[in-house]
Amino acid sequence: DELAQSLRFTAGRATPLAAAYAYPSPYVPRLAALRDFARPS
């Protein structure tokens, strides 16, 4: 959760390269079902 927070955009701060992989895409959308599946881990 700390790592996820560090990838969020913050004005005046350089965005880490890994942040580009945190956005949804046509084949990997943000879905509640995926979130629910991953949450136990």
PDB file of all heavy atoms in Angstrom:
ATOM      1  N   ASP A   1       0.821  -1.204   0.000  1.00  0.00           N
ATOM      2  CA  ASP A   1       0.000   0.000   0.000  1.00  0.00           C
ATOM      3  C   ASP A   1       0.860   1.260   0.000  1.00  0.00           C
ATOM      4  O   ASP A   1       0.504   2.270  -0.627  1.00  0.00           O
ATOM      5  CB  ASP A   1      -0.991   0.010   1.167  1.00  0.00           C
ATOM      6  CG  ASP A   1      -0.440  -0.621   2.436  1.00  0.00           C
ATOM      7  OD1 ASP A   1       0.773  -0.930   2.481  1.00  0.00           O
ATOM      8  OD2 ASP A   1      -1.217  -0.811   3.382  1.00  0.00           O
ATOM      9  N   GLU A   2       2.021   1.213   0.659  1.00  0.00           N
ATOM     10  CA  GLU A   2       2.944   2.346   0.608  1.00  0.00           C
ATOM     11  C   GLU A   2       3.526   2.501  -0.791  1.00  0.00           C
ATOM     12  O   GLU A   2       3.682   3.623  -1.293  1.00  0.00           O
ATOM     13  CB  GLU A   2       4.066   2.159   1.631  1.00  0.00           C
ATOM     14  CG  GLU A   2       3.595   2.195   3.083  1.00  0.00           C
ATOM     15  CD  GLU A   2       4.743   1.975   4.048  1.00  0.00           C
ATOM     16  OE1 GLU A   2       5.906   1.911   3.583  1.00  0.00           O
ATOM     17  OE2 GLU A   2       4.477   1.857   5.261  1.00  0.00           O
ATOM     18  N   LEU A   3       3.833   1.370  -1.421  1.00  0.00           N
ATOM     19  CA  LEU A   3       4.362   1.402  -2.784  1.00  0.00           C
ATOM     20  C   LEU A   3       3.324   1.966  -3.742  1.00  0.00           C
ATOM     21  O   LEU A   3       3.633   2.787  -4.616  1.00  0.00           O
ATOM     22  CB  LEU A   3       4.774  -0.004  -3.212  1.00  0.00           C
ATOM     23  CG  LEU A   3       5.365  -0.159  -4.605  1.00  0.00           C
ATOM     24  CD1 LEU A   3       6.637   0.669  -4.750  1.00  0.00           C
ATOM     25  CD2 LEU A   3       5.651  -1.622  -4.903  1.00  0.00           C
ATOM     26  N   ALA A   4       2.077   1.538  -3.600  1.00  0.00           N
ATOM     27  CA  ALA A   4       1.004   2.048  -4.460  1.00  0.00           C
ATOM     28  C   ALA A   4       0.850   3.552  -4.311  1.00  0.00           C
ATOM     29  O   ALA A   4       0.668   4.281  -5.291  1.00  0.00           O
ATOM     30  CB  ALA A   4      -0.309   1.344  -4.124  1.00  0.00           C
ATOM     31  N   GLN A   5       0.958   4.043  -3.089  1.00  0.00           N
ATOM     32  CA  GLN A   5       0.835   5.473  -2.843  1.00  0.00           C
ATOM     33  C   GLN A   5       1.975   6.240  -3.510  1.00  0.00           C
ATOM     34  O   GLN A   5       1.775   7.346  -4.029  1.00  0.00           O
ATOM     35  CB  GLN A   5       0.826   5.746  -1.336  1.00  0.00           C
ATOM     36  CG  GLN A   5       0.613   7.208  -0.946  1.00  0.00           C
ATOM     37  CD  GLN A   5      -0.733   7.742  -1.388  1.00  0.00           C
ATOM     38  OE1 GLN A   5      -1.723   7.025  -1.357  1.00  0.00           O
ATOM     39  NE2 GLN A   5      -0.780   9.001  -1.809  1.00  0.00           N
ATOM     40  N   SER A   6       3.167   5.646  -3.545  1.00  0.00           N
ATOM     41  CA  SER A   6       4.323   6.333  -4.132  1.00  0.00           C
ATOM     42  C   SER A   6       4.199   6.461  -5.645  1.00  0.00           C
ATOM     43  O   SER A   6       4.884   7.282  -6.257  1.00  0.00           O
ATOM     44  CB  SER A   6       5.606   5.582  -3.785  1.00  0.00           C
ATOM     45  OG  SER A   6       5.700   4.365  -4.514  1.00  0.00           O
ATOM     46  N   LEU A   7       3.337   5.654  -6.274  1.00  0.00           N
ATOM     47  CA  LEU A   7       3.177   5.703  -7.724  1.00  0.00           C
ATOM     48  C   LEU A   7       2.116   6.699  -8.167  1.00  0.00           C
ATOM     49  O   LEU A   7       1.934   6.919  -9.359  1.00  0.00           O
ATOM     50  CB  LEU A   7       2.815   4.311  -8.258  1.00  0.00           C
ATOM     51  CG  LEU A   7       3.861   3.220  -8.035  1.00  0.00           C
ATOM     52  CD1 LEU A   7       3.367   1.897  -8.599  1.00  0.00           C
ATOM     53  CD2 LEU A   7       5.194   3.599  -8.666  1.00  0.00           C
ATOM     54  N   ARG A   8       1.413   7.302  -7.227  1.00  0.00           N
ATOM     55  CA  ARG A   8       0.382   8.277  -7.577  1.00  0.00           C
ATOM     56  C   ARG A   8       1.025   9.598  -7.984  1.00  0.00           C
ATOM     57  O   ARG A   8       2.096   9.966  -7.490  1.00  0.00           O
ATOM     58  CB  ARG A   8      -0.571   8.504  -6.396  1.00  0.00           C
ATOM     59  CG  ARG A   8      -1.316   7.249  -5.961  1.00  0.00           C
ATOM     60  CD  ARG A   8      -2.253   7.552  -4.806  1.00  0.00           C
ATOM     61  NE  ARG A   8      -2.842   6.342  -4.262  1.00  0.00           N
ATOM     62  CZ  ARG A   8      -3.911   5.729  -4.763  1.00  0.00           C
ATOM     63  NH1 ARG A   8      -4.492   6.238  -5.850  1.00  0.00           N
ATOM     64  NH2 ARG A   8      -4.385   4.636  -4.213  1.00  0.00           N
ATOM     65  N   PHE A   9       0.355  10.312  -8.875  1.00  0.00           N
ATOM     66  CA  PHE A   9       0.872  11.594  -9.339  1.00  0.00           C
ATOM     67  C   PHE A   9       0.845  12.621  -8.210  1.00  0.00           C
ATOM     68  O   PHE A   9      -0.160  12.768  -7.503  1.00  0.00           O
ATOM     69  CB  PHE A   9       0.041  12.117 -10.513  1.00  0.00           C
ATOM     70  CG  PHE A   9       0.411  13.519 -10.923  1.00  0.00           C
ATOM     71  CD1 PHE A   9       1.551  13.760 -11.667  1.00  0.00           C
ATOM     72  CD2 PHE A   9      -0.379  14.602 -10.527  1.00  0.00           C
ATOM     73  CE1 PHE A   9       1.903  15.042 -12.032  1.00  0.00           C
ATOM     74  CE2 PHE A   9      -0.036  15.892 -10.894  1.00  0.00           C
ATOM     75  CZ  PHE A   9       1.110  16.114 -11.649  1.00  0.00           C
ATOM     76  N   THR A  10       1.946  13.323  -8.036  1.00  0.00           N
ATOM     77  CA  THR A  10       2.045  14.406  -7.057  1.00  0.00           C
ATOM     78  C   THR A  10       2.670  15.604  -7.745  1.00  0.00           C
ATOM     79  O   THR A  10       3.769  15.491  -8.313  1.00  0.00           O
ATOM     80  CB  THR A  10       2.905  13.996  -5.844  1.00  0.00           C
ATOM     81  OG1 THR A  10       2.337  12.835  -5.233  1.00  0.00           O
ATOM     82  CG2 THR A  10       2.973  15.124  -4.831  1.00  0.00           C
ATOM     83  N   ALA A  11       1.997  16.723  -7.730  1.00  0.00           N
ATOM     84  CA  ALA A  11       2.498  17.932  -8.385  1.00  0.00           C
ATOM     85  C   ALA A  11       3.866  18.314  -7.830  1.00  0.00           C
ATOM     86  O   ALA A  11       4.083  18.313  -6.615  1.00  0.00           O
ATOM     87  CB  ALA A  11       1.514  19.080  -8.198  1.00  0.00           C
ATOM     88  N   GLY A  12       4.801  18.624  -8.738  1.00  0.00           N
ATOM     89  CA  GLY A  12       6.124  19.045  -8.335  1.00  0.00           C
ATOM     90  C   GLY A  12       7.085  17.912  -8.037  1.00  0.00           C
ATOM     91  O   GLY A  12       8.230  18.163  -7.670  1.00  0.00           O
ATOM     92  N   ARG A  13       6.630  16.675  -8.181  1.00  0.00           N
ATOM     93  CA  ARG A  13       7.501  15.514  -7.921  1.00  0.00           C
ATOM     94  C   ARG A  13       7.627  14.670  -9.180  1.00  0.00           C
ATOM     95  O   ARG A  13       6.648  14.446  -9.889  1.00  0.00           O
ATOM     96  CB  ARG A  13       6.911  14.662  -6.788  1.00  0.00           C
ATOM     97  CG  ARG A  13       7.736  13.425  -6.450  1.00  0.00           C
ATOM     98  CD  ARG A  13       7.108  12.657  -5.290  1.00  0.00           C
ATOM     99  NE  ARG A  13       5.835  12.051  -5.669  1.00  0.00           N
ATOM    100  CZ  ARG A  13       5.705  10.829  -6.171  1.00  0.00           C
ATOM    101  NH1 ARG A  13       6.768  10.084  -6.387  1.00  0.00           N
ATOM    102  NH2 ARG A  13       4.510  10.343  -6.446  1.00  0.00           N
ATOM    103  N   ALA A  14       8.846  14.225  -9.449  1.00  0.00           N
ATOM    104  CA  ALA A  14       9.061  13.363 -10.612  1.00  0.00           C
ATOM    105  C   ALA A  14       8.296  12.057 -10.430  1.00  0.00           C
ATOM    106  O   ALA A  14       8.358  11.433  -9.369  1.00  0.00           O
ATOM    107  CB  ALA A  14      10.550  13.086 -10.789  1.00  0.00           C
ATOM    108  N   THR A  15       7.574  11.645 -11.452  1.00  0.00           N
ATOM    109  CA  THR A  15       6.790  10.419 -11.381  1.00  0.00           C
ATOM    110  C   THR A  15       7.683   9.221 -11.690  1.00  0.00           C
ATOM    111  O   THR A  15       8.383   9.212 -12.706  1.00  0.00           O
ATOM    112  CB  THR A  15       5.628  10.462 -12.392  1.00  0.00           C
ATOM    113  OG1 THR A  15       4.832  11.619 -12.125  1.00  0.00           O
ATOM    114  CG2 THR A  15       4.764   9.214 -12.272  1.00  0.00           C
ATOM    115  N   PRO A  16       7.694   8.200 -10.840  1.00  0.00           N
ATOM    116  CA  PRO A  16       8.534   7.021 -11.102  1.00  0.00           C
ATOM    117  C   PRO A  16       8.138   6.350 -12.420  1.00  0.00           C
ATOM    118  O   PRO A  16       6.968   6.361 -12.815  1.00  0.00           O
ATOM    119  CB  PRO A  16       8.227   6.096  -9.908  1.00  0.00           C
ATOM    120  CG  PRO A  16       7.667   6.998  -8.851  1.00  0.00           C
ATOM    121  CD  PRO A  16       6.950   8.087  -9.578  1.00  0.00           C
ATOM    122  N   LEU A  17       9.117   5.746 -13.107  1.00  0.00           N
ATOM    123  CA  LEU A  17       8.834   5.061 -14.366  1.00  0.00           C
ATOM    124  C   LEU A  17       7.796   3.963 -14.186  1.00  0.00           C
ATOM    125  O   LEU A  17       6.971   3.711 -15.073  1.00  0.00           O
ATOM    126  CB  LEU A  17      10.122   4.474 -14.935  1.00  0.00           C
ATOM    127  CG  LEU A  17      11.140   5.466 -15.506  1.00  0.00           C
ATOM    128  CD1 LEU A  17      12.402   4.718 -15.938  1.00  0.00           C
ATOM    129  CD2 LEU A  17      10.556   6.220 -16.683  1.00  0.00           C
ATOM    130  N   ALA A  18       7.814   3.299 -13.038  1.00  0.00           N
ATOM    131  CA  ALA A  18       6.880   2.195 -12.811  1.00  0.00           C
ATOM    132  C   ALA A  18       5.431   2.654 -12.800  1.00  0.00           C
ATOM    133  O   ALA A  18       4.523   1.842 -12.984  1.00  0.00           O
ATOM    134  CB  ALA A  18       7.217   1.506 -11.491  1.00  0.00           C
ATOM    135  N   ALA A  19       5.197   3.949 -12.605  1.00  0.00           N
ATOM    136  CA  ALA A  19       3.820   4.453 -12.565  1.00  0.00           C
ATOM    137  C   ALA A  19       3.100   4.228 -13.891  1.00  0.00           C
ATOM    138  O   ALA A  19       1.868   4.116 -13.930  1.00  0.00           O
ATOM    139  CB  ALA A  19       3.815   5.940 -12.214  1.00  0.00           C
ATOM    140  N   ALA A  20       3.850   4.135 -14.995  1.00  0.00           N
ATOM    141  CA  ALA A  20       3.230   3.922 -16.304  1.00  0.00           C
ATOM    142  C   ALA A  20       2.493   2.592 -16.361  1.00  0.00           C
ATOM    143  O   ALA A  20       1.574   2.414 -17.165  1.00  0.00           O
ATOM    144  CB  ALA A  20       4.285   3.979 -17.395  1.00  0.00           C
ATOM    145  N   TYR A  21       2.873   1.645 -15.506  1.00  0.00           N
ATOM    146  CA  TYR A  21       2.265   0.314 -15.528  1.00  0.00           C
ATOM    147  C   TYR A  21       1.109   0.192 -14.528  1.00  0.00           C
ATOM    148  O   TYR A  21       0.550  -0.897 -14.369  1.00  0.00           O
ATOM    149  CB  TYR A  21       3.322  -0.746 -15.230  1.00  0.00           C
ATOM    150  CG  TYR A  21       4.449  -0.734 -16.239  1.00  0.00           C
ATOM    151  CD1 TYR A  21       5.629  -0.042 -15.980  1.00  0.00           C
ATOM    152  CD2 TYR A  21       4.313  -1.370 -17.470  1.00  0.00           C
ATOM    153  CE1 TYR A  21       6.657  -0.006 -16.909  1.00  0.00           C
ATOM    154  CE2 TYR A  21       5.333  -1.340 -18.411  1.00  0.00           C
ATOM    155  CZ  TYR A  21       6.499  -0.660 -18.119  1.00  0.00           C
ATOM    156  OH  TYR A  21       7.512  -0.618 -19.050  1.00  0.00           O
ATOM    157  N   ALA A  22       0.769   1.274 -13.877  1.00  0.00           N
ATOM    158  CA  ALA A  22      -0.306   1.243 -12.884  1.00  0.00           C
ATOM    159  C   ALA A  22      -1.645   1.687 -13.454  1.00  0.00           C
ATOM    160  O   ALA A  22      -2.649   1.664 -12.752  1.00  0.00           O
ATOM    161  CB  ALA A  22       0.069   2.133 -11.691  1.00  0.00           C
ATOM    162  N   TYR A  23      -1.656   2.084 -14.718  1.00  0.00           N
ATOM    163  CA  TYR A  23      -2.900   2.552 -15.340  1.00  0.00           C
ATOM    164  C   TYR A  23      -3.613   1.406 -16.045  1.00  0.00           C
ATOM    165  O   TYR A  23      -2.982   0.435 -16.478  1.00  0.00           O
ATOM    166  CB  TYR A  23      -2.597   3.669 -16.343  1.00  0.00           C
ATOM    167  CG  TYR A  23      -2.034   4.913 -15.704  1.00  0.00           C
ATOM    168  CD1 TYR A  23      -0.665   5.195 -15.781  1.00  0.00           C
ATOM    169  CD2 TYR A  23      -2.856   5.797 -15.014  1.00  0.00           C
ATOM    170  CE1 TYR A  23      -0.136   6.332 -15.190  1.00  0.00           C
ATOM    171  CE2 TYR A  23      -2.335   6.926 -14.424  1.00  0.00           C
ATOM    172  CZ  TYR A  23      -0.982   7.198 -14.509  1.00  0.00           C
ATOM    173  OH  TYR A  23      -0.461   8.312 -13.915  1.00  0.00           O
ATOM    174  N   PRO A  24      -4.938   1.492 -16.176  1.00  0.00           N
ATOM    175  CA  PRO A  24      -5.671   0.452 -16.920  1.00  0.00           C
ATOM    176  C   PRO A  24      -5.345   0.515 -18.401  1.00  0.00           C
ATOM    177  O   PRO A  24      -4.853   1.524 -18.902  1.00  0.00           O
ATOM    178  CB  PRO A  24      -7.137   0.806 -16.650  1.00  0.00           C
ATOM    179  CG  PRO A  24      -7.133   2.268 -16.355  1.00  0.00           C
ATOM    180  CD  PRO A  24      -5.832   2.536 -15.650  1.00  0.00           C
ATOM    181  N   SER A  25      -5.627  -0.580 -19.091  1.00  0.00           N
ATOM    182  CA  SER A  25      -5.395  -0.662 -20.528  1.00  0.00           C
ATOM    183  C   SER A  25      -6.543  -1.456 -21.145  1.00  0.00           C
ATOM    184  O   SER A  25      -7.361  -2.034 -20.427  1.00  0.00           O
ATOM    185  CB  SER A  25      -4.058  -1.354 -20.809  1.00  0.00           C
ATOM    186  OG  SER A  25      -4.129  -2.724 -20.442  1.00  0.00           O
ATOM    187  N   PRO A  26      -6.624  -1.508 -22.490  1.00  0.00           N
ATOM    188  CA  PRO A  26      -7.729  -2.247 -23.112  1.00  0.00           C
ATOM    189  C   PRO A  26      -7.839  -3.699 -22.663  1.00  0.00           C
ATOM    190  O   PRO A  26      -8.942  -4.235 -22.522  1.00  0.00           O
ATOM    191  CB  PRO A  26      -7.407  -2.146 -24.607  1.00  0.00           C
ATOM    192  CG  PRO A  26      -6.642  -0.863 -24.739  1.00  0.00           C
ATOM    193  CD  PRO A  26      -5.821  -0.779 -23.493  1.00  0.00           C
ATOM    194  N   TYR A  27      -6.709  -4.358 -22.424  1.00  0.00           N
ATOM    195  CA  TYR A  27      -6.749  -5.761 -22.016  1.00  0.00           C
ATOM    196  C   TYR A  27      -6.732  -5.940 -20.502  1.00  0.00           C
ATOM    197  O   TYR A  27      -7.000  -7.040 -20.013  1.00  0.00           O
ATOM    198  CB  TYR A  27      -5.577  -6.522 -22.639  1.00  0.00           C
ATOM    199  CG  TYR A  27      -5.702  -6.721 -24.125  1.00  0.00           C
ATOM    200  CD1 TYR A  27      -4.796  -6.148 -25.008  1.00  0.00           C
ATOM    201  CD2 TYR A  27      -6.744  -7.476 -24.664  1.00  0.00           C
ATOM    202  CE1 TYR A  27      -4.913  -6.318 -26.384  1.00  0.00           C
ATOM    203  CE2 TYR A  27      -6.873  -7.658 -26.030  1.00  0.00           C
ATOM    204  CZ  TYR A  27      -5.956  -7.077 -26.881  1.00  0.00           C
ATOM    205  OH  TYR A  27      -6.076  -7.248 -28.234  1.00  0.00           O
ATOM    206  N   VAL A  28      -6.391  -4.885 -19.775  1.00  0.00           N
ATOM    207  CA  VAL A  28      -6.345  -4.977 -18.315  1.00  0.00           C
ATOM    208  C   VAL A  28      -7.107  -3.784 -17.731  1.00  0.00           C
ATOM    209  O   VAL A  28      -6.496  -2.803 -17.286  1.00  0.00           O
ATOM    210  CB  VAL A  28      -4.896  -5.008 -17.789  1.00  0.00           C
ATOM    211  CG1 VAL A  28      -4.894  -5.269 -16.290  1.00  0.00           C
ATOM    212  CG2 VAL A  28      -4.083  -6.070 -18.502  1.00  0.00           C
ATOM    213  N   PRO A  29      -8.427  -3.836 -17.733  1.00  0.00           N
ATOM    214  CA  PRO A  29      -9.220  -2.749 -17.149  1.00  0.00           C
ATOM    215  C   PRO A  29      -9.245  -2.873 -15.629  1.00  0.00           C
ATOM    216  O   PRO A  29      -8.865  -3.904 -15.059  1.00  0.00           O
ATOM    217  CB  PRO A  29     -10.615  -2.989 -17.744  1.00  0.00           C
ATOM    218  CG  PRO A  29     -10.670  -4.478 -17.931  1.00  0.00           C
ATOM    219  CD  PRO A  29      -9.270  -4.902 -18.313  1.00  0.00           C
ATOM    220  N   ARG A  30      -9.693  -1.822 -14.978  1.00  0.00           N
ATOM    221  CA  ARG A  30      -9.894  -1.871 -13.532  1.00  0.00           C
ATOM    222  C   ARG A  30     -11.280  -2.443 -13.273  1.00  0.00           C
ATOM    223  O   ARG A  30     -12.289  -1.840 -13.634  1.00  0.00           O
ATOM    224  CB  ARG A  30      -9.767  -0.469 -12.932  1.00  0.00           C
ATOM    225  CG  ARG A  30      -8.339   0.016 -12.845  1.00  0.00           C
ATOM    226  CD  ARG A  30      -8.247   1.272 -12.012  1.00  0.00           C
ATOM    227  NE  ARG A  30      -6.867   1.686 -11.859  1.00  0.00           N
ATOM    228  CZ  ARG A  30      -6.438   2.929 -12.022  1.00  0.00           C
ATOM    229  NH1 ARG A  30      -7.295   3.881 -12.328  1.00  0.00           N
ATOM    230  NH2 ARG A  30      -5.171   3.233 -11.858  1.00  0.00           N
ATOM    231  N   LEU A  31     -11.331  -3.602 -12.631  1.00  0.00           N
ATOM    232  CA  LEU A  31     -12.591  -4.286 -12.386  1.00  0.00           C
ATOM    233  C   LEU A  31     -12.720  -4.605 -10.899  1.00  0.00           C
ATOM    234  O   LEU A  31     -11.754  -5.058 -10.268  1.00  0.00           O
ATOM    235  CB  LEU A  31     -12.673  -5.581 -13.186  1.00  0.00           C
ATOM    236  CG  LEU A  31     -12.575  -5.484 -14.712  1.00  0.00           C
ATOM    237  CD1 LEU A  31     -12.579  -6.869 -15.333  1.00  0.00           C
ATOM    238  CD2 LEU A  31     -13.726  -4.648 -15.255  1.00  0.00           C
ATOM    239  N   ALA A  32     -13.916  -4.390 -10.370  1.00  0.00           N
ATOM    240  CA  ALA A  32     -14.157  -4.700  -8.966  1.00  0.00           C
ATOM    241  C   ALA A  32     -13.929  -6.180  -8.684  1.00  0.00           C
ATOM    242  O   ALA A  32     -13.431  -6.559  -7.613  1.00  0.00           O
ATOM    243  CB  ALA A  32     -15.579  -4.291  -8.585  1.00  0.00           C
ATOM    244  N   ALA A  33     -14.269  -7.040  -9.658  1.00  0.00           N
ATOM    245  CA  ALA A  33     -14.104  -8.482  -9.463  1.00  0.00           C
ATOM    246  C   ALA A  33     -12.631  -8.859  -9.302  1.00  0.00           C
ATOM    247  O   ALA A  33     -12.286  -9.740  -8.507  1.00  0.00           O
ATOM    248  CB  ALA A  33     -14.715  -9.236 -10.638  1.00  0.00           C
ATOM    249  N   LEU A  34     -11.751  -8.190 -10.055  1.00  0.00           N
ATOM    250  CA  LEU A  34     -10.317  -8.451  -9.917  1.00  0.00           C
ATOM    251  C   LEU A  34      -9.811  -7.973  -8.559  1.00  0.00           C
ATOM    252  O   LEU A  34      -9.001  -8.638  -7.903  1.00  0.00           O
ATOM    253  CB  LEU A  34      -9.549  -7.750 -11.038  1.00  0.00           C
ATOM    254  CG  LEU A  34      -9.724  -8.304 -12.453  1.00  0.00           C
ATOM    255  CD1 LEU A  34      -8.986  -7.423 -13.446  1.00  0.00           C
ATOM    256  CD2 LEU A  34      -9.240  -9.736 -12.546  1.00  0.00           C
ATOM    257  N   ARG A  35     -10.291  -6.818  -8.138  1.00  0.00           N
ATOM    258  CA  ARG A  35      -9.899  -6.273  -6.837  1.00  0.00           C
ATOM    259  C   ARG A  35     -10.322  -7.220  -5.714  1.00  0.00           C
ATOM    260  O   ARG A  35      -9.567  -7.481  -4.770  1.00  0.00           O
ATOM    261  CB  ARG A  35     -10.519  -4.888  -6.667  1.00  0.00           C
ATOM    262  CG  ARG A  35      -9.873  -4.033  -5.592  1.00  0.00           C
ATOM    263  CD  ARG A  35     -10.188  -2.564  -5.774  1.00  0.00           C
ATOM    264  NE  ARG A  35     -11.598  -2.301  -5.995  1.00  0.00           N
ATOM    265  CZ  ARG A  35     -12.109  -1.789  -7.125  1.00  0.00           C
ATOM    266  NH1 ARG A  35     -11.311  -1.483  -8.129  1.00  0.00           N
ATOM    267  NH2 ARG A  35     -13.401  -1.573  -7.240  1.00  0.00           N
ATOM    268  N   ASP A  36     -11.549  -7.740  -5.810  1.00  0.00           N
ATOM    269  CA  ASP A  36     -12.049  -8.652  -4.786  1.00  0.00           C
ATOM    270  C   ASP A  36     -11.257  -9.954  -4.763  1.00  0.00           C
ATOM    271  O   ASP A  36     -11.012 -10.527  -3.694  1.00  0.00           O
ATOM    272  CB  ASP A  36     -13.533  -8.946  -5.029  1.00  0.00           C
ATOM    273  CG  ASP A  36     -14.410  -7.720  -4.825  1.00  0.00           C
ATOM    274  OD1 ASP A  36     -13.954  -6.775  -4.167  1.00  0.00           O
ATOM    275  OD2 ASP A  36     -15.549  -7.720  -5.331  1.00  0.00           O
ATOM    276  N   PHE A  37     -10.863 -10.421  -5.953  1.00  0.00           N
ATOM    277  CA  PHE A  37     -10.083 -11.656  -6.035  1.00  0.00           C
ATOM    278  C   PHE A  37      -8.714 -11.480  -5.374  1.00  0.00           C
ATOM    279  O   PHE A  37      -8.224 -12.375  -4.674  1.00  0.00           O
ATOM    280  CB  PHE A  37      -9.918 -12.074  -7.494  1.00  0.00           C
ATOM    281  CG  PHE A  37      -9.076 -13.301  -7.673  1.00  0.00           C
ATOM    282  CD1 PHE A  37      -9.581 -14.563  -7.394  1.00  0.00           C
ATOM    283  CD2 PHE A  37      -7.769 -13.197  -8.129  1.00  0.00           C
ATOM    284  CE1 PHE A  37      -8.797 -15.700  -7.554  1.00  0.00           C
ATOM    285  CE2 PHE A  37      -6.981 -14.318  -8.298  1.00  0.00           C
ATOM    286  CZ  PHE A  37      -7.494 -15.582  -8.011  1.00  0.00           C
ATOM    287  N   ALA A  38      -8.093 -10.327  -5.574  1.00  0.00           N
ATOM    288  CA  ALA A  38      -6.738 -10.105  -5.051  1.00  0.00           C
ATOM    289  C   ALA A  38      -6.713  -9.720  -3.580  1.00  0.00           C
ATOM    290  O   ALA A  38      -5.704  -9.955  -2.898  1.00  0.00           O
ATOM    291  CB  ALA A  38      -6.052  -9.007  -5.863  1.00  0.00           C
ATOM    292  N   ARG A  39      -7.807  -9.168  -3.067  1.00  0.00           N
ATOM    293  CA  ARG A  39      -7.797  -8.573  -1.725  1.00  0.00           C
ATOM    294  C   ARG A  39      -7.304  -9.510  -0.630  1.00  0.00           C
ATOM    295  O   ARG A  39      -6.554  -9.072   0.261  1.00  0.00           O
ATOM    296  CB  ARG A  39      -9.198  -8.048  -1.397  1.00  0.00           C
ATOM    297  CG  ARG A  39      -9.254  -7.317  -0.049  1.00  0.00           C
ATOM    298  CD  ARG A  39     -10.585  -6.637   0.176  1.00  0.00           C
ATOM    299  NE  ARG A  39     -10.714  -5.443  -0.654  1.00  0.00           N
ATOM    300  CZ  ARG A  39     -11.638  -5.264  -1.591  1.00  0.00           C
ATOM    301  NH1 ARG A  39     -12.507  -6.227  -1.831  1.00  0.00           N
ATOM    302  NH2 ARG A  39     -11.710  -4.158  -2.272  1.00  0.00           N
ATOM    303  N   PRO A  40      -7.662 -10.808  -0.613  1.00  0.00           N
ATOM    304  CA  PRO A  40      -7.171 -11.670   0.472  1.00  0.00           C
ATOM    305  C   PRO A  40      -5.647 -11.749   0.558  1.00  0.00           C
ATOM    306  O   PRO A  40      -5.100 -11.981   1.642  1.00  0.00           O
ATOM    307  CB  PRO A  40      -7.780 -13.046   0.135  1.00  0.00           C
ATOM    308  CG  PRO A  40      -9.002 -12.733  -0.665  1.00  0.00           C
ATOM    309  CD  PRO A  40      -8.627 -11.522  -1.475  1.00  0.00           C
ATOM    310  N   SER A  41      -4.975 -11.557  -0.556  1.00  0.00           N
ATOM    311  CA  SER A  41      -3.510 -11.632  -0.551  1.00  0.00           C
ATOM    312  C   SER A  41      -2.868 -10.305  -0.164  1.00  0.00           C
ATOM    313  O   SER A  41      -1.707 -10.283   0.254  1.00  0.00           O
ATOM    314  CB  SER A  41      -2.994 -12.060  -1.935  1.00  0.00           C
ATOM    315  OG  SER A  41      -3.469 -13.345  -2.278  1.00  0.00           O
TER     316      SER A  41
END
